Amino acid sequence: MEWKLFADLAEIAGDRVIPVDATAGDTVGDALDDLLDAHPALRERVIEDDAVADHINVLRNGRSVYHDEGLSTTLDDGDELALFPPVSGGCAD
């Protein structure tokens, strides 16, 4: 399994795609723990008060895990995991 990281999260981890040891049957939380254990610098950006910060989007197959069972969502083979920080910007007219 792997995480796709975006914006400054990828910069902090040193890559946009980070493999983790999580497999089918594990939870999104297990996969996130593997990611944060392997890249501790991400922890202070992603975690606040022992939970995922409100402004960090955790996606499984392009859908927020909070539409399912949150970090307790069970992983299946082939799942795509992603972390998105808040994104802003664009072009003013």
PDB file of N, CA and C in Angstrom:
ATOM      1  N   MET A   1       0.860  -1.157   0.000  1.00  0.00           N
ATOM      2  CA  MET A   1       0.000   0.000   0.000  1.00  0.00           C
ATOM      3  C   MET A   1       0.910   1.224   0.000  1.00  0.00           C
ATOM      4  N   GLU A   2       0.387   2.325  -0.489  1.00  0.00           N
ATOM      5  CA  GLU A   2       1.166   3.560  -0.506  1.00  0.00           C
ATOM      6  C   GLU A   2       0.268   4.766  -0.293  1.00  0.00           C
ATOM      7  N   TRP A   3       0.907   5.824   0.185  1.00  0.00           N
ATOM      8  CA  TRP A   3       0.242   7.108   0.359  1.00  0.00           C
ATOM      9  C   TRP A   3       0.692   8.042  -0.740  1.00  0.00           C
ATOM     10  N   LYS A   4      -0.223   8.816  -1.266  1.00  0.00           N
ATOM     11  CA  LYS A   4       0.103   9.908  -2.165  1.00  0.00           C
ATOM     12  C   LYS A   4      -0.021  11.184  -1.342  1.00  0.00           C
ATOM     13  N   LEU A   5       1.046  11.970  -1.344  1.00  0.00           N
ATOM     14  CA  LEU A   5       1.090  13.194  -0.555  1.00  0.00           C
ATOM     15  C   LEU A   5       1.115  14.395  -1.482  1.00  0.00           C
ATOM     16  N   PHE A   6       0.508  15.467  -1.049  1.00  0.00           N
ATOM     17  CA  PHE A   6       0.393  16.650  -1.881  1.00  0.00           C
ATOM     18  C   PHE A   6       0.922  17.874  -1.152  1.00  0.00           C
ATOM     19  N   ALA A   7       1.337  18.859  -1.963  1.00  0.00           N
ATOM     20  CA  ALA A   7       1.813  20.164  -1.498  1.00  0.00           C
ATOM     21  C   ALA A   7       2.957  19.998  -0.496  1.00  0.00           C
ATOM     22  N   ASP A   8       2.897  20.723   0.616  1.00  0.00           N
ATOM     23  CA  ASP A   8       4.017  20.698   1.552  1.00  0.00           C
ATOM     24  C   ASP A   8       4.202  19.349   2.228  1.00  0.00           C
ATOM     25  N   LEU A   9       3.172  18.500   2.256  1.00  0.00           N
ATOM     26  CA  LEU A   9       3.326  17.169   2.859  1.00  0.00           C
ATOM     27  C   LEU A   9       4.344  16.350   2.071  1.00  0.00           C
ATOM     28  N   ALA A  10       4.304  16.442   0.751  1.00  0.00           N
ATOM     29  CA  ALA A  10       5.280  15.743  -0.091  1.00  0.00           C
ATOM     30  C   ALA A  10       6.684  16.297   0.141  1.00  0.00           C
ATOM     31  N   GLU A  11       6.782  17.601   0.296  1.00  0.00           N
ATOM     32  CA  GLU A  11       8.083  18.217   0.563  1.00  0.00           C
ATOM     33  C   GLU A  11       8.653  17.740   1.893  1.00  0.00           C
ATOM     34  N   ILE A  12       7.818  17.668   2.913  1.00  0.00           N
ATOM     35  CA  ILE A  12       8.263  17.238   4.238  1.00  0.00           C
ATOM     36  C   ILE A  12       8.735  15.784   4.191  1.00  0.00           C
ATOM     37  N   ALA A  13       7.993  14.929   3.495  1.00  0.00           N
ATOM     38  CA  ALA A  13       8.331  13.502   3.426  1.00  0.00           C
ATOM     39  C   ALA A  13       9.462  13.217   2.450  1.00  0.00           C
ATOM     40  N   GLY A  14       9.705  14.141   1.526  1.00  0.00           N
ATOM     41  CA  GLY A  14      10.764  13.941   0.551  1.00  0.00           C
ATOM     42  C   GLY A  14      10.331  13.238  -0.714  1.00  0.00           C
ATOM     43  N   ASP A  15       9.040  12.960  -0.852  1.00  0.00           N
ATOM     44  CA  ASP A  15       8.525  12.310  -2.065  1.00  0.00           C
ATOM     45  C   ASP A  15       7.009  12.440  -2.078  1.00  0.00           C
ATOM     46  N   ARG A  16       6.426  12.287  -3.266  1.00  0.00           N
ATOM     47  CA  ARG A  16       4.964  12.376  -3.391  1.00  0.00           C
ATOM     48  C   ARG A  16       4.286  11.041  -3.143  1.00  0.00           C
ATOM     49  N   VAL A  17       5.011   9.931  -3.306  1.00  0.00           N
ATOM     50  CA  VAL A  17       4.445   8.594  -3.106  1.00  0.00           C
ATOM     51  C   VAL A  17       5.308   7.863  -2.081  1.00  0.00           C
ATOM     52  N   ILE A  18       4.664   7.445  -0.994  1.00  0.00           N
ATOM     53  CA  ILE A  18       5.380   6.812   0.110  1.00  0.00           C
ATOM     54  C   ILE A  18       4.762   5.430   0.382  1.00  0.00           C
ATOM     55  N   PRO A  19       5.524   4.354   0.167  1.00  0.00           N
ATOM     56  CA  PRO A  19       4.998   3.020   0.482  1.00  0.00           C
ATOM     57  C   PRO A  19       4.946   2.798   1.998  1.00  0.00           C
ATOM     58  N   VAL A  20       3.942   2.040   2.438  1.00  0.00           N
ATOM     59  CA  VAL A  20       3.811   1.661   3.852  1.00  0.00           C
ATOM     60  C   VAL A  20       3.517   0.166   3.926  1.00  0.00           C
ATOM     61  N   ASP A  21       3.643  -0.399   5.121  1.00  0.00           N
ATOM     62  CA  ASP A  21       3.471  -1.836   5.308  1.00  0.00           C
ATOM     63  C   ASP A  21       2.022  -2.282   5.416  1.00  0.00           C
ATOM     64  N   ALA A  22       1.081  -1.370   5.430  1.00  0.00           N
ATOM     65  CA  ALA A  22      -0.336  -1.731   5.586  1.00  0.00           C
ATOM     66  C   ALA A  22      -0.793  -2.589   4.407  1.00  0.00           C
ATOM     67  N   THR A  23      -1.699  -3.521   4.711  1.00  0.00           N
ATOM     68  CA  THR A  23      -2.247  -4.416   3.694  1.00  0.00           C
ATOM     69  C   THR A  23      -3.761  -4.500   3.858  1.00  0.00           C
ATOM     70  N   ALA A  24      -4.407  -5.172   2.930  1.00  0.00           N
ATOM     71  CA  ALA A  24      -5.859  -5.379   3.018  1.00  0.00           C
ATOM     72  C   ALA A  24      -6.201  -5.972   4.385  1.00  0.00           C
ATOM     73  N   GLY A  25      -7.256  -5.436   4.986  1.00  0.00           N
ATOM     74  CA  GLY A  25      -7.667  -5.874   6.316  1.00  0.00           C
ATOM     75  C   GLY A  25      -7.209  -4.931   7.407  1.00  0.00           C
ATOM     76  N   ASP A  26      -6.115  -4.197   7.153  1.00  0.00           N
ATOM     77  CA  ASP A  26      -5.693  -3.152   8.079  1.00  0.00           C
ATOM     78  C   ASP A  26      -6.650  -1.972   7.925  1.00  0.00           C
ATOM     79  N   THR A  27      -6.466  -0.963   8.760  1.00  0.00           N
ATOM     80  CA  THR A  27      -7.317   0.218   8.672  1.00  0.00           C
ATOM     81  C   THR A  27      -6.531   1.400   8.086  1.00  0.00           C
ATOM     82  N   VAL A  28      -7.262   2.419   7.695  1.00  0.00           N
ATOM     83  CA  VAL A  28      -6.621   3.648   7.244  1.00  0.00           C
ATOM     84  C   VAL A  28      -5.739   4.198   8.360  1.00  0.00           C
ATOM     85  N   GLY A  29      -6.189   4.092   9.586  1.00  0.00           N
ATOM     86  CA  GLY A  29      -5.392   4.547  10.731  1.00  0.00           C
ATOM     87  C   GLY A  29      -4.077   3.786  10.850  1.00  0.00           C
ATOM     88  N   ASP A  30      -4.117   2.466  10.595  1.00  0.00           N
ATOM     89  CA  ASP A  30      -2.879   1.672  10.616  1.00  0.00           C
ATOM     90  C   ASP A  30      -1.908   2.181   9.559  1.00  0.00           C
ATOM     91  N   ALA A  31      -2.427   2.440   8.360  1.00  0.00           N
ATOM     92  CA  ALA A  31      -1.590   2.930   7.264  1.00  0.00           C
ATOM     93  C   ALA A  31      -1.040   4.316   7.586  1.00  0.00           C
ATOM     94  N   LEU A  32      -1.853   5.148   8.226  1.00  0.00           N
ATOM     95  CA  LEU A  32      -1.392   6.485   8.605  1.00  0.00           C
ATOM     96  C   LEU A  32      -0.306   6.386   9.672  1.00  0.00           C
ATOM     97  N   ASP A  33      -0.485   5.496  10.648  1.00  0.00           N
ATOM     98  CA  ASP A  33       0.551   5.292  11.670  1.00  0.00           C
ATOM     99  C   ASP A  33       1.861   4.856  11.032  1.00  0.00           C
ATOM    100  N   ASP A  34       1.791   3.933  10.059  1.00  0.00           N
ATOM    101  CA  ASP A  34       2.998   3.492   9.359  1.00  0.00           C
ATOM    102  C   ASP A  34       3.687   4.670   8.675  1.00  0.00           C
ATOM    103  N   LEU A  35       2.898   5.526   8.026  1.00  0.00           N
ATOM    104  CA  LEU A  35       3.446   6.693   7.341  1.00  0.00           C
ATOM    105  C   LEU A  35       4.123   7.633   8.329  1.00  0.00           C
ATOM    106  N   LEU A  36       3.446   7.943   9.424  1.00  0.00           N
ATOM    107  CA  LEU A  36       3.978   8.896  10.398  1.00  0.00           C
ATOM    108  C   LEU A  36       5.172   8.332  11.154  1.00  0.00           C
ATOM    109  N   ASP A  37       5.200   7.015  11.356  1.00  0.00           N
ATOM    110  CA  ASP A  37       6.360   6.385  11.995  1.00  0.00           C
ATOM    111  C   ASP A  37       7.579   6.470  11.083  1.00  0.00           C
ATOM    112  N   ALA A  38       7.362   6.289   9.789  1.00  0.00           N
ATOM    113  CA  ALA A  38       8.463   6.324   8.822  1.00  0.00           C
ATOM    114  C   ALA A  38       8.934   7.747   8.536  1.00  0.00           C
ATOM    115  N   HIS A  39       8.044   8.723   8.704  1.00  0.00           N
ATOM    116  CA  HIS A  39       8.357  10.130   8.413  1.00  0.00           C
ATOM    117  C   HIS A  39       7.857  11.000   9.561  1.00  0.00           C
ATOM    118  N   PRO A  40       8.573  10.965  10.695  1.00  0.00           N
ATOM    119  CA  PRO A  40       8.101  11.676  11.896  1.00  0.00           C
ATOM    120  C   PRO A  40       7.876  13.175  11.706  1.00  0.00           C
ATOM    121  N   ALA A  41       8.573  13.793  10.767  1.00  0.00           N
ATOM    122  CA  ALA A  41       8.379  15.228  10.547  1.00  0.00           C
ATOM    123  C   ALA A  41       6.957  15.533  10.082  1.00  0.00           C
ATOM    124  N   LEU A  42       6.295  14.561   9.477  1.00  0.00           N
ATOM    125  CA  LEU A  42       4.906  14.760   9.050  1.00  0.00           C
ATOM    126  C   LEU A  42       3.948  14.862  10.233  1.00  0.00           C
ATOM    127  N   ARG A  43       4.310  14.197  11.316  1.00  0.00           N
ATOM    128  CA  ARG A  43       3.401  14.118  12.464  1.00  0.00           C
ATOM    129  C   ARG A  43       2.973  15.498  12.939  1.00  0.00           C
ATOM    130  N   GLU A  44       3.906  16.433  13.068  1.00  0.00           N
ATOM    131  CA  GLU A  44       3.528  17.760  13.592  1.00  0.00           C
ATOM    132  C   GLU A  44       2.671  18.539  12.599  1.00  0.00           C
ATOM    133  N   ARG A  45       2.707  18.187  11.329  1.00  0.00           N
ATOM    134  CA  ARG A  45       1.892  18.874  10.309  1.00  0.00           C
ATOM    135  C   ARG A  45       0.499  18.253  10.195  1.00  0.00           C
ATOM    136  N   VAL A  46       0.408  16.938  10.478  1.00  0.00           N
ATOM    137  CA  VAL A  46      -0.826  16.187  10.246  1.00  0.00           C
ATOM    138  C   VAL A  46      -1.648  16.001  11.524  1.00  0.00           C
ATOM    139  N   ILE A  47      -0.983  15.886  12.660  1.00  0.00           N
ATOM    140  CA  ILE A  47      -1.669  15.553  13.915  1.00  0.00           C
ATOM    141  C   ILE A  47      -1.744  16.776  14.824  1.00  0.00           C
ATOM    142  N   GLU A  48      -2.932  16.993  15.385  1.00  0.00           N
ATOM    143  CA  GLU A  48      -3.156  18.012  16.415  1.00  0.00           C
ATOM    144  C   GLU A  48      -3.989  17.387  17.517  1.00  0.00           C
ATOM    145  N   ASP A  49      -3.550  17.548  18.751  1.00  0.00           N
ATOM    146  CA  ASP A  49      -4.292  17.014  19.909  1.00  0.00           C
ATOM    147  C   ASP A  49      -4.611  15.534  19.735  1.00  0.00           C
ATOM    148  N   ASP A  50      -3.618  14.750  19.294  1.00  0.00           N
ATOM    149  CA  ASP A  50      -3.728  13.288  19.147  1.00  0.00           C
ATOM    150  C   ASP A  50      -4.748  12.843  18.114  1.00  0.00           C
ATOM    151  N   ALA A  51      -5.106  13.706  17.183  1.00  0.00           N
ATOM    152  CA  ALA A  51      -6.034  13.347  16.103  1.00  0.00           C
ATOM    153  C   ALA A  51      -5.564  14.038  14.822  1.00  0.00           C
ATOM    154  N   VAL A  52      -6.060  13.563  13.694  1.00  0.00           N
ATOM    155  CA  VAL A  52      -5.744  14.222  12.430  1.00  0.00           C
ATOM    156  C   VAL A  52      -6.322  15.631  12.477  1.00  0.00           C
ATOM    157  N   ALA A  53      -5.483  16.593  12.134  1.00  0.00           N
ATOM    158  CA  ALA A  53      -5.915  17.991  12.149  1.00  0.00           C
ATOM    159  C   ALA A  53      -7.122  18.179  11.233  1.00  0.00           C
ATOM    160  N   ASP A  54      -8.026  19.053  11.640  1.00  0.00           N
ATOM    161  CA  ASP A  54      -9.253  19.294  10.881  1.00  0.00           C
ATOM    162  C   ASP A  54      -8.982  19.721   9.445  1.00  0.00           C
ATOM    163  N   HIS A  55      -7.876  20.408   9.219  1.00  0.00           N
ATOM    164  CA  HIS A  55      -7.591  20.931   7.887  1.00  0.00           C
ATOM    165  C   HIS A  55      -6.880  19.936   6.971  1.00  0.00           C
ATOM    166  N   ILE A  56      -6.592  18.728   7.449  1.00  0.00           N
ATOM    167  CA  ILE A  56      -5.946  17.698   6.625  1.00  0.00           C
ATOM    168  C   ILE A  56      -7.024  16.751   6.103  1.00  0.00           C
ATOM    169  N   ASN A  57      -7.053  16.569   4.800  1.00  0.00           N
ATOM    170  CA  ASN A  57      -8.004  15.650   4.172  1.00  0.00           C
ATOM    171  C   ASN A  57      -7.360  14.285   4.001  1.00  0.00           C
ATOM    172  N   VAL A  58      -8.019  13.258   4.530  1.00  0.00           N
ATOM    173  CA  VAL A  58      -7.558  11.878   4.411  1.00  0.00           C
ATOM    174  C   VAL A  58      -8.504  11.176   3.442  1.00  0.00           C
ATOM    175  N   LEU A  59      -7.966  10.732   2.312  1.00  0.00           N
ATOM    176  CA  LEU A  59      -8.792  10.129   1.260  1.00  0.00           C
ATOM    177  C   LEU A  59      -8.438   8.673   1.032  1.00  0.00           C
ATOM    178  N   ARG A  60      -9.452   7.888   0.767  1.00  0.00           N
ATOM    179  CA  ARG A  60      -9.306   6.503   0.327  1.00  0.00           C
ATOM    180  C   ARG A  60     -10.079   6.400  -0.972  1.00  0.00           C
ATOM    181  N   ASN A  61      -9.377   6.096  -2.037  1.00  0.00           N
ATOM    182  CA  ASN A  61      -9.992   5.998  -3.369  1.00  0.00           C
ATOM    183  C   ASN A  61     -10.722   7.286  -3.759  1.00  0.00           C
ATOM    184  N   GLY A  62     -10.093   8.424  -3.413  1.00  0.00           N
ATOM    185  CA  GLY A  62     -10.626   9.721  -3.816  1.00  0.00           C
ATOM    186  C   GLY A  62     -11.779  10.234  -2.976  1.00  0.00           C
ATOM    187  N   ARG A  63     -12.120   9.536  -1.914  1.00  0.00           N
ATOM    188  CA  ARG A  63     -13.256   9.915  -1.068  1.00  0.00           C
ATOM    189  C   ARG A  63     -12.774  10.082   0.364  1.00  0.00           C
ATOM    190  N   SER A  64     -13.236  11.121   1.028  1.00  0.00           N
ATOM    191  CA  SER A  64     -12.853  11.334   2.417  1.00  0.00           C
ATOM    192  C   SER A  64     -13.232  10.124   3.258  1.00  0.00           C
ATOM    193  N   VAL A  65     -12.296   9.681   4.086  1.00  0.00           N
ATOM    194  CA  VAL A  65     -12.587   8.529   4.947  1.00  0.00           C
ATOM    195  C   VAL A  65     -13.661   8.868   5.971  1.00  0.00           C
ATOM    196  N   TYR A  66     -13.906  10.159   6.177  1.00  0.00           N
ATOM    197  CA  TYR A  66     -14.918  10.553   7.159  1.00  0.00           C
ATOM    198  C   TYR A  66     -16.337  10.365   6.635  1.00  0.00           C
ATOM    199  N   HIS A  67     -16.475  10.006   5.354  1.00  0.00           N
ATOM    200  CA  HIS A  67     -17.775   9.613   4.817  1.00  0.00           C
ATOM    201  C   HIS A  67     -18.026   8.132   5.073  1.00  0.00           C
ATOM    202  N   ASP A  68     -17.002   7.422   5.498  1.00  0.00           N
ATOM    203  CA  ASP A  68     -17.103   6.003   5.825  1.00  0.00           C
ATOM    204  C   ASP A  68     -16.945   5.851   7.334  1.00  0.00           C
ATOM    205  N   GLU A  69     -15.911   5.137   7.759  1.00  0.00           N
ATOM    206  CA  GLU A  69     -15.709   4.915   9.188  1.00  0.00           C
ATOM    207  C   GLU A  69     -14.492   5.652   9.726  1.00  0.00           C
ATOM    208  N   GLY A  70     -14.125   6.742   9.087  1.00  0.00           N
ATOM    209  CA  GLY A  70     -12.967   7.505   9.537  1.00  0.00           C
ATOM    210  C   GLY A  70     -11.697   6.685   9.435  1.00  0.00           C
ATOM    211  N   LEU A  71     -10.816   6.866  10.379  1.00  0.00           N
ATOM    212  CA  LEU A  71      -9.554   6.134  10.363  1.00  0.00           C
ATOM    213  C   LEU A  71      -9.742   4.650  10.632  1.00  0.00           C
ATOM    214  N   SER A  72     -10.930   4.248  11.052  1.00  0.00           N
ATOM    215  CA  SER A  72     -11.235   2.826  11.268  1.00  0.00           C
ATOM    216  C   SER A  72     -11.670   2.120   9.986  1.00  0.00           C
ATOM    217  N   THR A  73     -11.751   2.847   8.888  1.00  0.00           N
ATOM    218  CA  THR A  73     -12.136   2.265   7.600  1.00  0.00           C
ATOM    219  C   THR A  73     -11.151   1.167   7.220  1.00  0.00           C
ATOM    220  N   THR A  74     -11.672   0.005   6.882  1.00  0.00           N
ATOM    221  CA  THR A  74     -10.841  -1.140   6.521  1.00  0.00           C
ATOM    222  C   THR A  74     -10.356  -1.005   5.082  1.00  0.00           C
ATOM    223  N   LEU A  75      -9.089  -1.340   4.881  1.00  0.00           N
ATOM    224  CA  LEU A  75      -8.474  -1.264   3.560  1.00  0.00           C
ATOM    225  C   LEU A  75      -8.726  -2.530   2.747  1.00  0.00           C
ATOM    226  N   ASP A  76      -8.868  -2.352   1.445  1.00  0.00           N
ATOM    227  CA  ASP A  76      -8.980  -3.450   0.497  1.00  0.00           C
ATOM    228  C   ASP A  76      -7.779  -3.412  -0.431  1.00  0.00           C
ATOM    229  N   ASP A  77      -7.483  -4.542  -1.081  1.00  0.00           N
ATOM    230  CA  ASP A  77      -6.421  -4.557  -2.081  1.00  0.00           C
ATOM    231  C   ASP A  77      -6.686  -3.487  -3.131  1.00  0.00           C
ATOM    232  N   GLY A  78      -5.640  -2.791  -3.518  1.00  0.00           N
ATOM    233  CA  GLY A  78      -5.765  -1.796  -4.579  1.00  0.00           C
ATOM    234  C   GLY A  78      -6.246  -0.437  -4.143  1.00  0.00           C
ATOM    235  N   ASP A  79      -6.529  -0.247  -2.858  1.00  0.00           N
ATOM    236  CA  ASP A  79      -6.961   1.066  -2.381  1.00  0.00           C
ATOM    237  C   ASP A  79      -5.870   2.101  -2.618  1.00  0.00           C
ATOM    238  N   GLU A  80      -6.298   3.315  -2.929  1.00  0.00           N
ATOM    239  CA  GLU A  80      -5.393   4.447  -3.069  1.00  0.00           C
ATOM    240  C   GLU A  80      -5.623   5.390  -1.895  1.00  0.00           C
ATOM    241  N   LEU A  81      -4.557   5.685  -1.186  1.00  0.00           N
ATOM    242  CA  LEU A  81      -4.626   6.563  -0.026  1.00  0.00           C
ATOM    243  C   LEU A  81      -3.952   7.881  -0.347  1.00  0.00           C
ATOM    244  N   ALA A  82      -4.512   8.968   0.146  1.00  0.00           N
ATOM    245  CA  ALA A  82      -3.939  10.287  -0.123  1.00  0.00           C
ATOM    246  C   ALA A  82      -4.158  11.215   1.061  1.00  0.00           C
ATOM    247  N   LEU A  83      -3.191  12.106   1.248  1.00  0.00           N
ATOM    248  CA  LEU A  83      -3.288  13.167   2.248  1.00  0.00           C
ATOM    249  C   LEU A  83      -3.174  14.502   1.531  1.00  0.00           C
ATOM    250  N   PHE A  84      -4.146  15.367   1.772  1.00  0.00           N
ATOM    251  CA  PHE A  84      -4.170  16.709   1.184  1.00  0.00           C
ATOM    252  C   PHE A  84      -4.187  17.746   2.297  1.00  0.00           C
ATOM    253  N   PRO A  85      -3.253  18.668   2.268  1.00  0.00           N
ATOM    254  CA  PRO A  85      -3.358  19.813   3.185  1.00  0.00           C
ATOM    255  C   PRO A  85      -4.342  20.803   2.580  1.00  0.00           C
ATOM    256  N   PRO A  86      -4.685  21.845   3.312  1.00  0.00           N
ATOM    257  CA  PRO A  86      -5.560  22.855   2.723  1.00  0.00           C
ATOM    258  C   PRO A  86      -4.874  23.489   1.515  1.00  0.00           C
ATOM    259  N   VAL A  87      -5.640  23.746   0.509  1.00  0.00           N
ATOM    260  CA  VAL A  87      -5.099  24.331  -0.715  1.00  0.00           C
ATOM    261  C   VAL A  87      -5.837  25.634  -0.967  1.00  0.00           C
ATOM    262  N   SER A  88      -5.075  26.650  -1.282  1.00  0.00           N
ATOM    263  CA  SER A  88      -5.688  27.930  -1.635  1.00  0.00           C
ATOM    264  C   SER A  88      -4.897  28.520  -2.777  1.00  0.00           C
ATOM    265  N   GLY A  89      -5.398  29.571  -3.277  1.00  0.00           N
ATOM    266  CA  GLY A  89      -4.678  30.243  -4.349  1.00  0.00           C
ATOM    267  C   GLY A  89      -5.555  30.374  -5.571  1.00  0.00           C
ATOM    268  N   GLY A  90      -4.918  30.569  -6.667  1.00  0.00           N
ATOM    269  CA  GLY A  90      -5.654  30.780  -7.901  1.00  0.00           C
ATOM    270  C   GLY A  90      -5.287  32.136  -8.450  1.00  0.00           C
ATOM    271  N   CYS A  91      -6.079  32.560  -9.328  1.00  0.00           N
ATOM    272  CA  CYS A  91      -5.766  33.782 -10.046  1.00  0.00           C
ATOM    273  C   CYS A  91      -6.902  34.781  -9.828  1.00  0.00           C
ATOM    274  N   ALA A  92      -6.525  35.970  -9.492  1.00  0.00           N
ATOM    275  CA  ALA A  92      -7.535  37.026  -9.314  1.00  0.00           C
ATOM    276  C   ALA A  92      -7.832  37.646 -10.674  1.00  0.00           C
ATOM    277  N   ASP A  93      -9.090  37.910 -10.928  1.00  0.00           N
ATOM    278  CA  ASP A  93      -9.477  38.531 -12.189  1.00  0.00           C
ATOM    279  C   ASP A  93      -9.452  40.031 -12.089  1.00  0.00           C
TER     280      ASP A  93
END
